[in-house]
Amino acid sequence: MAEILLSLTIIGVVAAITLPSLTGNINERTWNTQRKALYARMSQAVALMPALNGYGTLTEGNESASAVDTAAETFVTEGLSKVLKINNICDADHIHDCGIASIVTTMTGVTTAVPKKLSELNPSLTSVSFYDSATIGQGNYSAIDSKAAAFETQNGESILVFYNPTCSTMDVDVNRKFVQPKICANLVYDLNGNKGPNTVGKDIGFMTFISSVDSVVAAPVPYVRRFDGIKVEYASSTCTNSAGGEYRIPTMEEAAALFVNKNLIREDWPNGHLWTSTKVTKSGYLTNYVMVMGHGEYRIPVPNAGWSLLCVKR
C-alpha cells in the first residue's frame, strides 16, 4: 500500500509540473491555427471589396452642429458584412455586447483599458507635431478622433474596428510621408471573445488594412524583445538567430501595423524608428530599406544607421 501511495504521489507531482506546460502548448497551437484562419478569411473578404474608403460619415462638430461619426459602424454594416459572415454588430457605446473585453494585457504584461476611439488606440493617429532638424524641419499631421465599432463572426471571434473613411493608397516610392492616411481600417481581434486570457500575442491580435485600392492586410505577431542599435545589413540575421527561425524583419506594411497598435504591444521604441524589409529606389537617393518612425512617418534613412528592430511572424 505504501508503494502504491508513493507511486501515486510521484505521478501527481509530475502531472502538476507538466500539465500547465502541455495545456499552454495546446492553447498556443489552437490560437495560431485560429489566427491564420481568420487572416485568410479577412484577406479574401477585403479582396472582394471594390475599395476600403468612403463608408459612413465622419465630421467634427462646431457651434451650430454636433459631430457626426458613423464611419466604423457603417464600414462593418455596409462593407464587411457584404463579404464576410457576421453574427452581431455593435456601435461604440455597446462594443462589450459583441464580446469585447474591458481590460486586456499587452505583450509586455501591462494591463490596459480597451481603446474605444483612435486617440486611445494611438494618439499619433489623430495628432502629430514634431521638429526634425536633420531633414525637412517641422512635421504635422491631424485627423478626426473617430469612434470604434465591433462585431462577432460566425466562427466566434470578437473584433474591434477602427476606421478611416478617407484613406488613400500606399506609395512604394517614398521619401518622407505619413503612414496614418494610408491606414483604412485596424481590427483588434479576440479569438475566443472575453473568455481569457485576453492577452495580446495569445488570444488577442490585430490586423491592419492598408491602402484603399489593392489593399494589403498586415497581421504581424511581434517578438516582444526589441533590438536596439541594429544596422540594416544585420537586421535579418538578428531576427533569425535571436528571435527564432520563424521570425523575420517586418515589411513596410507590417511596420505600419506595429505603429498603429504599439500601445497594445507596449514595447518602447527609442527615437521611434523601426527597420523594415521593404526596399525602394527614389530619384536622387540610394536604394535602401524603408524606416517607419514612432510618430507615423515613413522615409528612406541613412543606409548604415543603427536603429531599432522588432521581429515579427504571421
Protein backbone atom coordinates (compact mmCIF):
# COMPACT_ATOMS: atom_id res chain seq x y z
CA MET A 1 0.00 0.00 0.00
CA ALA A 2 2.83 2.40 0.86
CA GLU A 3 4.46 1.74 -2.51
CA ILE A 4 1.18 2.43 -4.33
CA LEU A 5 0.69 5.69 -2.44
CA LEU A 6 4.26 6.69 -3.19
CA SER A 7 3.76 5.94 -6.88
CA LEU A 8 0.53 7.94 -6.98
CA THR A 9 2.25 10.85 -5.23
CA ILE A 10 5.07 10.86 -7.78
CA ILE A 11 2.58 10.69 -10.66
CA GLY A 12 0.64 13.58 -9.14
CA VAL A 13 3.76 15.73 -8.74
CA VAL A 14 4.87 15.03 -12.32
CA ALA A 15 1.38 15.82 -13.61
CA ALA A 16 1.25 19.07 -11.65
CA ILE A 17 4.56 20.12 -13.17
CA THR A 18 3.91 19.10 -16.79
CA LEU A 19 0.17 19.73 -17.21
CA PRO A 20 0.29 23.56 -17.27
CA SER A 21 3.04 23.43 -19.91
CA LEU A 22 1.11 20.93 -22.03
CA THR A 23 -2.08 22.99 -21.71
CA GLY A 24 -0.19 26.15 -22.67
CA ASN A 25 1.30 24.47 -25.74
CA ILE A 26 -2.12 23.23 -26.82
CA ASN A 27 -3.58 26.73 -26.42
CA GLU A 28 -0.71 28.26 -28.41
CA ARG A 29 -1.26 25.83 -31.29
CA THR A 30 -5.00 26.44 -31.21
CA TRP A 31 -4.56 30.22 -31.27
CA ASN A 32 -2.02 30.01 -34.11
CA THR A 33 -4.43 27.92 -36.18
CA GLN A 34 -7.35 30.26 -35.46
CA ARG A 35 -5.22 33.33 -36.19
CA LYS A 36 -4.14 32.03 -39.60
CA ALA A 37 -7.70 31.03 -40.49
CA LEU A 38 -9.01 34.49 -39.53
CA TYR A 39 -6.26 36.16 -41.57
CA ALA A 40 -7.20 34.05 -44.61
CA ARG A 41 -10.90 34.91 -44.28
CA MET A 42 -10.19 38.63 -43.84
CA SER A 43 -7.80 38.71 -46.80
CA GLN A 44 -10.40 37.05 -49.00
CA ALA A 45 -13.12 39.43 -47.80
CA VAL A 46 -11.02 42.56 -48.43
CA ALA A 47 -10.14 41.30 -51.92
CA LEU A 48 -13.86 41.23 -52.75
CA MET A 49 -14.42 44.86 -51.74
CA PRO A 50 -14.00 47.40 -54.58
CA ALA A 51 -12.41 49.94 -52.22
CA LEU A 52 -11.94 50.37 -48.50
CA ASN A 53 -12.67 54.08 -48.22
CA GLY A 54 -15.86 56.10 -48.40
CA TYR A 55 -18.09 54.30 -45.89
CA GLY A 56 -20.11 56.33 -43.39
CA THR A 57 -19.79 59.94 -42.29
CA LEU A 58 -17.08 61.49 -40.18
CA THR A 59 -17.30 65.22 -39.38
CA GLU A 60 -16.25 67.41 -36.48
CA GLY A 61 -18.81 69.36 -34.52
CA ASN A 62 -18.99 73.14 -34.30
CA GLU A 63 -21.09 75.82 -32.60
CA SER A 64 -24.15 75.10 -34.72
CA ALA A 65 -23.90 71.35 -35.35
CA SER A 66 -22.89 68.24 -33.48
CA ALA A 67 -20.14 65.90 -34.63
CA VAL A 68 -21.31 63.04 -36.86
CA ASP A 69 -19.46 59.73 -36.57
CA THR A 70 -20.95 56.72 -38.34
CA ALA A 71 -17.77 55.65 -40.15
CA ALA A 72 -16.67 52.46 -38.37
CA GLU A 73 -20.18 51.08 -37.86
CA THR A 74 -21.14 51.77 -41.49
CA PHE A 75 -17.92 50.17 -42.73
CA VAL A 76 -18.97 46.97 -40.96
CA THR A 77 -22.67 47.04 -41.88
CA GLU A 78 -22.34 48.20 -45.49
CA GLY A 79 -18.86 46.91 -46.30
CA LEU A 80 -17.52 43.91 -44.39
CA SER A 81 -20.91 42.29 -43.75
CA LYS A 82 -21.43 42.01 -47.53
CA VAL A 83 -18.32 39.86 -47.97
CA LEU A 84 -17.93 38.24 -44.54
CA LYS A 85 -20.34 36.21 -42.40
CA ILE A 86 -21.12 38.32 -39.31
CA ASN A 87 -23.43 37.45 -36.42
CA ASN A 88 -23.68 40.67 -34.44
CA ILE A 89 -22.68 44.33 -34.90
CA CYS A 90 -22.22 46.79 -32.02
CA ASP A 91 -21.73 50.56 -32.02
CA ALA A 92 -19.11 52.40 -29.96
CA ASP A 93 -21.30 52.56 -26.87
CA HIS A 94 -22.04 48.83 -26.84
CA ILE A 95 -18.85 47.10 -28.00
CA HIS A 96 -18.86 44.81 -24.95
CA ASP A 97 -22.13 43.31 -26.22
CA CYS A 98 -20.02 41.86 -29.04
CA GLY A 99 -17.72 40.04 -26.64
CA ILE A 100 -15.05 42.76 -26.42
CA ALA A 101 -13.27 42.64 -23.04
CA SER A 102 -12.93 45.80 -20.92
CA ILE A 103 -9.31 45.17 -19.95
CA VAL A 104 -6.55 43.45 -21.92
CA THR A 105 -2.95 42.55 -21.15
CA THR A 106 -0.28 43.87 -23.52
CA MET A 107 2.62 41.75 -24.78
CA THR A 108 4.83 43.15 -22.04
CA GLY A 109 2.37 42.22 -19.28
CA VAL A 110 0.81 45.65 -18.70
CA THR A 111 -2.97 45.74 -18.28
CA THR A 112 -4.77 48.47 -20.19
CA ALA A 113 -8.33 49.54 -20.96
CA VAL A 114 -9.62 48.53 -24.37
CA PRO A 115 -9.49 51.59 -26.69
CA LYS A 116 -12.82 52.90 -27.99
CA LYS A 117 -11.54 55.61 -30.34
CA LEU A 118 -8.47 56.35 -32.45
CA SER A 119 -6.66 58.54 -29.93
CA GLU A 120 -6.97 55.80 -27.30
CA LEU A 121 -5.55 53.23 -29.70
CA ASN A 122 -2.60 55.52 -30.51
CA PRO A 123 -2.60 59.32 -30.00
CA SER A 124 -0.35 59.76 -33.06
CA LEU A 125 -3.21 58.56 -35.28
CA THR A 126 -5.06 61.84 -34.69
CA SER A 127 -2.41 64.44 -33.81
CA VAL A 128 1.33 64.71 -34.52
CA SER A 129 3.64 67.70 -34.33
CA PHE A 130 7.42 67.39 -34.36
CA TYR A 131 10.58 69.15 -35.42
CA ASP A 132 13.44 67.29 -37.08
CA SER A 133 16.42 69.48 -37.89
CA ALA A 134 18.17 66.63 -39.71
CA THR A 135 15.69 66.57 -42.61
CA ILE A 136 12.89 68.97 -43.58
CA GLY A 137 12.15 70.55 -40.20
CA GLN A 138 8.58 70.85 -38.98
CA GLY A 139 6.13 68.00 -39.44
CA ASN A 140 2.41 67.96 -38.64
CA TYR A 141 -0.49 65.56 -39.02
CA SER A 142 -4.06 65.72 -37.70
CA ALA A 143 -7.26 63.72 -38.14
CA ILE A 144 -10.73 63.46 -36.59
CA ASP A 145 -10.79 61.27 -33.50
CA SER A 146 -13.26 58.65 -34.75
CA LYS A 147 -15.05 56.07 -32.61
CA ALA A 148 -14.69 52.31 -32.88
CA ALA A 149 -17.35 49.69 -33.65
CA ALA A 150 -17.36 45.95 -33.05
CA PHE A 151 -18.73 42.72 -34.48
CA GLU A 152 -18.79 38.98 -33.89
CA THR A 153 -18.02 36.46 -36.60
CA GLN A 154 -19.79 33.14 -37.14
CA ASN A 155 -16.58 31.44 -36.00
CA GLY A 156 -16.79 33.05 -32.56
CA GLU A 157 -14.19 35.82 -32.87
CA SER A 158 -14.90 39.26 -31.39
CA ILE A 159 -13.44 42.10 -33.45
CA LEU A 160 -12.99 45.78 -32.61
CA VAL A 161 -12.86 48.06 -35.69
CA PHE A 162 -11.19 51.46 -36.12
CA TYR A 163 -11.85 53.07 -39.50
CA ASN A 164 -10.63 55.92 -41.70
CA PRO A 165 -13.15 56.68 -44.50
CA THR A 166 -10.69 58.95 -46.36
CA CYS A 167 -7.75 56.52 -46.58
CA SER A 168 -5.53 56.65 -49.67
CA THR A 169 -3.13 54.34 -51.46
CA MET A 170 0.33 53.46 -50.14
CA ASP A 171 3.22 54.79 -52.21
CA VAL A 172 6.09 52.43 -52.92
CA ASP A 173 8.48 55.22 -53.92
CA VAL A 174 8.74 57.01 -50.60
CA ASN A 175 10.79 59.83 -49.17
CA ARG A 176 9.06 61.33 -46.14
CA LYS A 177 5.31 60.76 -45.75
CA PHE A 178 2.88 59.86 -43.00
CA VAL A 179 1.57 56.33 -42.56
CA GLN A 180 -1.71 57.49 -40.99
CA PRO A 181 -3.59 58.49 -44.18
CA LYS A 182 -2.83 55.06 -45.69
CA ILE A 183 -4.49 53.17 -42.82
CA CYS A 184 -8.03 52.30 -43.91
CA ALA A 185 -9.05 50.06 -41.01
CA ASN A 186 -7.47 48.48 -37.97
CA LEU A 187 -9.00 45.39 -36.43
CA VAL A 188 -8.21 44.26 -32.89
CA TYR A 189 -9.46 40.69 -32.64
CA ASP A 190 -10.11 38.33 -29.74
CA LEU A 191 -10.16 34.72 -30.88
CA ASN A 192 -12.39 33.50 -28.04
CA GLY A 193 -14.42 36.55 -27.05
CA ASN A 194 -13.87 37.77 -23.50
CA LYS A 195 -13.18 34.32 -22.06
CA GLY A 196 -9.49 34.98 -21.45
CA PRO A 197 -6.60 35.18 -21.13
CA ASN A 198 -7.30 38.41 -23.10
CA THR A 199 -3.60 38.86 -23.80
CA VAL A 200 -2.04 40.38 -26.90
CA GLY A 201 0.06 37.80 -28.72
CA LYS A 202 -2.12 34.94 -27.43
CA ASP A 203 -5.87 35.14 -27.99
CA ILE A 204 -5.72 38.85 -28.93
CA GLY A 205 -4.02 40.30 -32.00
CA PHE A 206 -4.50 42.90 -34.71
CA MET A 207 -4.88 43.27 -38.46
CA THR A 208 -4.40 46.48 -40.39
CA PHE A 209 -5.97 47.20 -43.80
CA ILE A 210 -3.57 49.44 -45.68
CA SER A 211 -4.29 51.39 -48.92
CA SER A 212 -7.74 51.94 -50.37
CA VAL A 213 -7.00 50.13 -53.67
CA ASP A 214 -5.00 46.88 -54.00
CA SER A 215 -5.17 46.73 -50.23
CA VAL A 216 -2.76 44.84 -48.01
CA VAL A 217 -3.88 43.08 -44.84
CA ALA A 218 -0.98 43.22 -42.38
CA ALA A 219 -1.29 40.93 -39.36
CA PRO A 220 2.14 40.73 -37.74
CA VAL A 221 2.77 38.91 -34.47
CA PRO A 222 5.72 40.79 -32.94
CA TYR A 223 8.55 39.27 -30.96
CA VAL A 224 8.28 41.06 -27.65
CA ARG A 225 12.03 41.68 -27.37
CA ARG A 226 13.32 44.84 -29.03
CA PHE A 227 16.75 45.04 -30.64
CA ASP A 228 18.46 48.44 -30.44
CA GLY A 229 21.30 49.89 -32.48
CA ILE A 230 20.77 47.45 -35.35
CA LYS A 231 22.16 48.29 -38.79
CA VAL A 232 20.02 47.24 -41.71
CA GLU A 233 22.59 44.83 -43.13
CA TYR A 234 22.47 42.82 -39.89
CA ALA A 235 18.74 43.05 -39.20
CA SER A 236 17.71 39.85 -41.00
CA SER A 237 20.23 37.63 -39.23
CA THR A 238 19.26 39.22 -35.89
CA CYS A 239 15.65 38.07 -36.29
CA THR A 240 16.66 34.60 -37.46
CA ASN A 241 19.32 33.96 -34.83
CA SER A 242 17.92 35.76 -31.78
CA ALA A 243 14.15 35.57 -32.18
CA GLY A 244 13.99 32.13 -33.77
CA GLY A 245 13.73 30.88 -37.34
CA GLU A 246 10.02 31.66 -37.68
CA TYR A 247 10.61 35.39 -37.14
CA ARG A 248 11.76 37.94 -39.74
CA ILE A 249 12.02 41.69 -40.38
CA PRO A 250 8.59 43.33 -40.86
CA THR A 251 7.57 44.65 -44.25
CA MET A 252 6.69 48.35 -44.58
CA GLU A 253 3.00 47.47 -44.16
CA GLU A 254 3.66 45.28 -41.12
CA ALA A 255 5.76 48.02 -39.52
CA ALA A 256 2.86 50.42 -40.14
CA ALA A 257 0.57 47.96 -38.32
CA LEU A 258 3.05 47.80 -35.43
CA PHE A 259 3.00 51.59 -35.25
CA VAL A 260 -0.81 51.72 -35.19
CA ASN A 261 -1.02 49.13 -32.39
CA LYS A 262 2.14 49.97 -30.45
CA ASN A 263 0.21 50.79 -27.25
CA LEU A 264 -1.15 47.23 -27.29
CA ILE A 265 2.34 45.85 -27.77
CA ARG A 266 3.82 48.27 -25.19
CA GLU A 267 7.37 47.83 -26.43
CA ASP A 268 9.26 51.13 -26.14
CA TRP A 269 10.73 52.48 -29.37
CA PRO A 270 13.76 54.75 -28.76
CA ASN A 271 13.54 57.64 -31.23
CA GLY A 272 10.56 55.84 -32.76
CA HIS A 273 12.47 54.23 -35.62
CA LEU A 274 11.83 50.68 -36.90
CA TRP A 275 13.59 48.95 -39.78
CA THR A 276 11.51 47.22 -42.46
CA SER A 277 12.40 44.72 -45.17
CA THR A 278 10.82 46.91 -47.89
CA LYS A 279 13.44 48.25 -50.28
CA VAL A 280 12.78 51.15 -52.65
CA THR A 281 14.61 53.37 -55.11
CA LYS A 282 13.89 57.09 -55.35
CA SER A 283 15.46 59.54 -57.74
CA GLY A 284 18.35 61.30 -56.01
CA TYR A 285 18.58 58.70 -53.24
CA LEU A 286 20.45 55.45 -52.82
CA THR A 287 18.35 52.31 -52.98
CA ASN A 288 17.66 51.49 -49.36
CA TYR A 289 15.25 49.98 -46.85
CA VAL A 290 12.25 51.97 -45.61
CA MET A 291 12.08 53.07 -41.97
CA VAL A 292 8.79 53.59 -40.07
CA MET A 293 9.00 56.24 -37.35
CA GLY A 294 7.28 56.30 -33.96
CA HIS A 295 5.14 59.32 -34.90
CA GLY A 296 3.87 57.58 -38.04
CA GLU A 297 6.23 58.81 -40.73
CA TYR A 298 7.95 56.51 -43.21
CA ARG A 299 11.10 57.50 -45.06
CA ILE A 300 14.39 56.32 -46.55
CA PRO A 301 17.04 56.69 -43.81
CA VAL A 302 20.82 56.62 -43.95
CA PRO A 303 21.76 53.09 -45.10
CA ASN A 304 24.19 52.24 -42.31
CA ALA A 305 22.37 53.93 -39.43
CA GLY A 306 21.82 51.88 -36.29
CA TRP A 307 18.15 51.99 -35.28
CA SER A 308 15.62 49.65 -33.67
CA LEU A 309 14.08 46.39 -34.78
CA LEU A 310 11.03 44.38 -33.77
CA CYS A 311 10.95 40.92 -35.37
CA VAL A 312 7.57 39.52 -36.50
CA LYS A 313 5.87 36.40 -37.71
CA ARG A 314 2.41 35.85 -39.16
